[in-house]
Amino acid sequence: MLSTDQLQLVFSADSVNLLEENKGLINISVMVTDSGNTTNNGSKELSQTKYVFFPLLASQQILRSLDRDATSDIGEGFIDDDFDGLPAYMDNSSIPYLQPLHINAAVVKLAETEPGLHLRLGKFALLQSSDGLKLSQ
């Protein structure tokens, strides 16, 4: 059963069948199309597609009380408020153009892009359950 409204999509996990090559990663794409009326100053349709990847996990790890940012991991939880691919308990930055290479390192190094752009974990970092942009061999 699938239910949807303008803000959320809800579906039963029992109905999800992942292809073997996806390795537990759900890939959702959304295309938005403008009808091409006078609001875009022409008659051609305009469209854009966004892709979102997220892992389908059998279980979550148990969160501890504190981590490096001195905030309760339990309070922060697994939600990804800034949509960078890192759950809140692992995310030590809300600056969208900065992303850690590896959080659990002795020294946290950051990747940076132009202000106004957003960095996020990609498909392969999510497949590895990575805690930053850096991929293992």
C-alpha atoms as a PDB file:
ATOM      1  CA  MET A   1       0.000   0.000   0.000  1.00  0.00           C
ATOM      2  CA  LEU A   2       1.295   3.430  -0.966  1.00  0.00           C
ATOM      3  CA  SER A   3       0.055   6.680   0.543  1.00  0.00           C
ATOM      4  CA  THR A   4       1.280  10.133  -0.300  1.00  0.00           C
ATOM      5  CA  ASP A   5       0.580  13.796   0.291  1.00  0.00           C
ATOM      6  CA  GLN A   6       2.483  16.919  -0.697  1.00  0.00           C
ATOM      7  CA  LEU A   7       5.076  16.593   2.079  1.00  0.00           C
ATOM      8  CA  GLN A   8       5.735  12.870   2.520  1.00  0.00           C
ATOM      9  CA  LEU A   9       5.615   9.471   0.887  1.00  0.00           C
ATOM     10  CA  VAL A  10       4.763   6.477   3.084  1.00  0.00           C
ATOM     11  CA  PHE A  11       5.084   2.860   1.969  1.00  0.00           C
ATOM     12  CA  SER A  12       5.381  -0.521   3.618  1.00  0.00           C
ATOM     13  CA  ALA A  13       8.943  -1.862   3.811  1.00  0.00           C
ATOM     14  CA  ASP A  14       7.533  -5.354   3.208  1.00  0.00           C
ATOM     15  CA  SER A  15       6.656  -4.303  -0.336  1.00  0.00           C
ATOM     16  CA  VAL A  16      10.239  -3.221  -1.190  1.00  0.00           C
ATOM     17  CA  ASN A  17      12.142  -5.607  -3.455  1.00  0.00           C
ATOM     18  CA  LEU A  18      15.708  -4.457  -4.062  1.00  0.00           C
ATOM     19  CA  LEU A  19      17.714  -5.676  -7.012  1.00  0.00           C
ATOM     20  CA  GLU A  20      20.882  -7.550  -6.033  1.00  0.00           C
ATOM     21  CA  GLU A  21      23.088  -4.928  -7.735  1.00  0.00           C
ATOM     22  CA  ASN A  22      21.609  -2.207  -5.472  1.00  0.00           C
ATOM     23  CA  LYS A  23      23.169  -3.914  -2.408  1.00  0.00           C
ATOM     24  CA  GLY A  24      20.580  -2.550   0.026  1.00  0.00           C
ATOM     25  CA  LEU A  25      20.507   0.984  -1.373  1.00  0.00           C
ATOM     26  CA  ILE A  26      17.181   2.532  -2.341  1.00  0.00           C
ATOM     27  CA  ASN A  27      17.352   4.916  -5.295  1.00  0.00           C
ATOM     28  CA  ILE A  28      14.485   7.360  -5.722  1.00  0.00           C
ATOM     29  CA  SER A  29      14.242   9.895  -8.519  1.00  0.00           C
ATOM     30  CA  VAL A  30      11.766  12.735  -8.826  1.00  0.00           C
ATOM     31  CA  MET A  31      11.158  14.764 -11.971  1.00  0.00           C
ATOM     32  CA  VAL A  32       9.410  18.125 -11.788  1.00  0.00           C
ATOM     33  CA  THR A  33       8.156  19.657 -15.027  1.00  0.00           C
ATOM     34  CA  ASP A  34       6.904  23.169 -15.730  1.00  0.00           C
ATOM     35  CA  SER A  35       4.083  23.239 -18.277  1.00  0.00           C
ATOM     36  CA  GLY A  36       5.796  25.874 -20.412  1.00  0.00           C
ATOM     37  CA  ASN A  37       3.220  28.624 -20.012  1.00  0.00           C
ATOM     38  CA  THR A  38       3.927  32.352 -19.857  1.00  0.00           C
ATOM     39  CA  THR A  39       5.462  32.176 -16.363  1.00  0.00           C
ATOM     40  CA  ASN A  40       8.682  30.778 -17.843  1.00  0.00           C
ATOM     41  CA  ASN A  41       8.532  33.174 -20.812  1.00  0.00           C
ATOM     42  CA  GLY A  42       8.126  30.548 -23.479  1.00  0.00           C
ATOM     43  CA  SER A  43       6.199  27.559 -24.665  1.00  0.00           C
ATOM     44  CA  LYS A  44       8.832  24.876 -23.992  1.00  0.00           C
ATOM     45  CA  GLU A  45       8.508  22.620 -20.977  1.00  0.00           C
ATOM     46  CA  LEU A  46      11.214  22.926 -18.344  1.00  0.00           C
ATOM     47  CA  SER A  47      12.063  19.910 -16.213  1.00  0.00           C
ATOM     48  CA  GLN A  48      14.590  18.862 -13.632  1.00  0.00           C
ATOM     49  CA  THR A  49      15.293  15.465 -12.063  1.00  0.00           C
ATOM     50  CA  LYS A  50      16.706  14.937  -8.572  1.00  0.00           C
ATOM     51  CA  TYR A  51      18.102  11.624  -7.322  1.00  0.00           C
ATOM     52  CA  VAL A  52      18.164  10.499  -3.693  1.00  0.00           C
ATOM     53  CA  PHE A  53      19.942   7.400  -2.397  1.00  0.00           C
ATOM     54  CA  PHE A  54      19.484   5.954   1.060  1.00  0.00           C
ATOM     55  CA  PRO A  55      20.414   2.611   2.620  1.00  0.00           C
ATOM     56  CA  LEU A  56      17.826   0.079   3.715  1.00  0.00           C
ATOM     57  CA  LEU A  57      19.147  -1.273   7.025  1.00  0.00           C
ATOM     58  CA  ALA A  58      17.988  -4.336   8.945  1.00  0.00           C
ATOM     59  CA  SER A  59      18.851  -2.600  12.225  1.00  0.00           C
ATOM     60  CA  GLN A  60      20.401   0.593  13.577  1.00  0.00           C
ATOM     61  CA  GLN A  61      23.321   0.815  15.955  1.00  0.00           C
ATOM     62  CA  ILE A  62      22.671   1.721  19.587  1.00  0.00           C
ATOM     63  CA  LEU A  63      23.500   5.366  20.233  1.00  0.00           C
ATOM     64  CA  ARG A  64      25.593   6.447  23.197  1.00  0.00           C
ATOM     65  CA  SER A  65      25.069   9.541  25.282  1.00  0.00           C
ATOM     66  CA  LEU A  66      27.878  11.845  23.995  1.00  0.00           C
ATOM     67  CA  ASP A  67      30.250  12.159  21.052  1.00  0.00           C
ATOM     68  CA  ARG A  68      32.857  14.644  19.814  1.00  0.00           C
ATOM     69  CA  ASP A  69      30.414  17.544  19.514  1.00  0.00           C
ATOM     70  CA  ALA A  70      29.455  17.184  23.230  1.00  0.00           C
ATOM     71  CA  THR A  71      25.777  16.787  22.304  1.00  0.00           C
ATOM     72  CA  SER A  72      23.751  13.728  23.204  1.00  0.00           C
ATOM     73  CA  ASP A  73      23.726  11.271  20.291  1.00  0.00           C
ATOM     74  CA  ILE A  74      20.443   9.913  21.588  1.00  0.00           C
ATOM     75  CA  GLY A  75      18.947  13.415  21.416  1.00  0.00           C
ATOM     76  CA  GLU A  76      20.342  14.078  17.920  1.00  0.00           C
ATOM     77  CA  GLY A  77      19.232  10.703  16.576  1.00  0.00           C
ATOM     78  CA  PHE A  78      19.363   9.261  13.059  1.00  0.00           C
ATOM     79  CA  ILE A  79      17.536  12.042  11.195  1.00  0.00           C
ATOM     80  CA  ASP A  80      19.462  13.894   8.475  1.00  0.00           C
ATOM     81  CA  ASP A  81      18.228  17.465   9.014  1.00  0.00           C
ATOM     82  CA  ASP A  82      20.522  19.086   6.455  1.00  0.00           C
ATOM     83  CA  PHE A  83      20.239  16.326   3.801  1.00  0.00           C
ATOM     84  CA  ASP A  84      24.008  15.803   3.513  1.00  0.00           C
ATOM     85  CA  GLY A  85      23.829  12.019   3.929  1.00  0.00           C
ATOM     86  CA  LEU A  86      25.072  11.989   7.519  1.00  0.00           C
ATOM     87  CA  PRO A  87      22.663  11.294  10.391  1.00  0.00           C
ATOM     88  CA  ALA A  88      22.542  14.094  12.985  1.00  0.00           C
ATOM     89  CA  TYR A  89      24.464  12.109  15.626  1.00  0.00           C
ATOM     90  CA  MET A  90      27.462  11.913  13.233  1.00  0.00           C
ATOM     91  CA  ASP A  91      27.111  15.352  11.652  1.00  0.00           C
ATOM     92  CA  ASN A  92      29.267  18.028  13.258  1.00  0.00           C
ATOM     93  CA  SER A  93      28.530  20.795  10.736  1.00  0.00           C
ATOM     94  CA  SER A  94      25.463  22.425   9.267  1.00  0.00           C
ATOM     95  CA  ILE A  95      27.453  24.364   6.650  1.00  0.00           C
ATOM     96  CA  PRO A  96      26.274  22.840   3.346  1.00  0.00           C
ATOM     97  CA  TYR A  97      29.457  23.545   1.348  1.00  0.00           C
ATOM     98  CA  LEU A  98      31.693  21.757   3.911  1.00  0.00           C
ATOM     99  CA  GLN A  99      31.701  17.996   4.441  1.00  0.00           C
ATOM    100  CA  PRO A 100      34.045  15.840   6.550  1.00  0.00           C
ATOM    101  CA  LEU A 101      36.235  13.274   4.808  1.00  0.00           C
ATOM    102  CA  HIS A 102      36.088  10.937   7.818  1.00  0.00           C
ATOM    103  CA  ILE A 103      34.577  11.886  11.180  1.00  0.00           C
ATOM    104  CA  ASN A 104      36.093   9.138  13.329  1.00  0.00           C
ATOM    105  CA  ALA A 105      39.662  10.156  12.510  1.00  0.00           C
ATOM    106  CA  ALA A 106      42.061  11.726  15.017  1.00  0.00           C
ATOM    107  CA  VAL A 107      41.972  14.944  12.964  1.00  0.00           C
ATOM    108  CA  VAL A 108      38.807  15.753  11.013  1.00  0.00           C
ATOM    109  CA  LYS A 109      39.642  17.027   7.517  1.00  0.00           C
ATOM    110  CA  LEU A 110      37.020  18.777   5.431  1.00  0.00           C
ATOM    111  CA  ALA A 111      36.179  18.898   1.740  1.00  0.00           C
ATOM    112  CA  GLU A 112      34.953  22.286   0.581  1.00  0.00           C
ATOM    113  CA  THR A 113      33.135  23.646  -2.449  1.00  0.00           C
ATOM    114  CA  GLU A 114      31.859  27.100  -3.398  1.00  0.00           C
ATOM    115  CA  PRO A 115      29.446  28.767  -0.955  1.00  0.00           C
ATOM    116  CA  GLY A 116      25.913  28.279  -2.275  1.00  0.00           C
ATOM    117  CA  LEU A 117      26.626  24.694  -3.383  1.00  0.00           C
ATOM    118  CA  HIS A 118      25.913  21.630  -1.244  1.00  0.00           C
ATOM    119  CA  LEU A 119      28.126  18.605  -0.586  1.00  0.00           C
ATOM    120  CA  ARG A 120      26.540  15.303   0.418  1.00  0.00           C
ATOM    121  CA  LEU A 121      27.492  11.658   0.681  1.00  0.00           C
ATOM    122  CA  GLY A 122      27.105   9.897  -2.629  1.00  0.00           C
ATOM    123  CA  LYS A 123      25.885   6.453  -3.576  1.00  0.00           C
ATOM    124  CA  PHE A 124      29.148   4.635  -2.861  1.00  0.00           C
ATOM    125  CA  ALA A 125      29.759   6.355   0.504  1.00  0.00           C
ATOM    126  CA  LEU A 126      26.229   5.363   1.527  1.00  0.00           C
ATOM    127  CA  LEU A 127      26.847   1.777   0.385  1.00  0.00           C
ATOM    128  CA  GLN A 128      29.884   1.650   2.688  1.00  0.00           C
ATOM    129  CA  SER A 129      27.944   3.249   5.593  1.00  0.00           C
ATOM    130  CA  SER A 130      30.654   5.891   5.534  1.00  0.00           C
ATOM    131  CA  ASP A 131      30.945   8.666   8.103  1.00  0.00           C
ATOM    132  CA  GLY A 132      32.256  11.137   5.524  1.00  0.00           C
ATOM    133  CA  LEU A 133      33.055  11.632   1.847  1.00  0.00           C
ATOM    134  CA  LYS A 134      36.206   9.490   1.897  1.00  0.00           C
ATOM    135  CA  LEU A 135      35.833   5.987   0.451  1.00  0.00           C
ATOM    136  CA  SER A 136      37.797   2.918   1.475  1.00  0.00           C
ATOM    137  CA  GLN A 137      39.607   0.818  -1.116  1.00  0.00           C
END
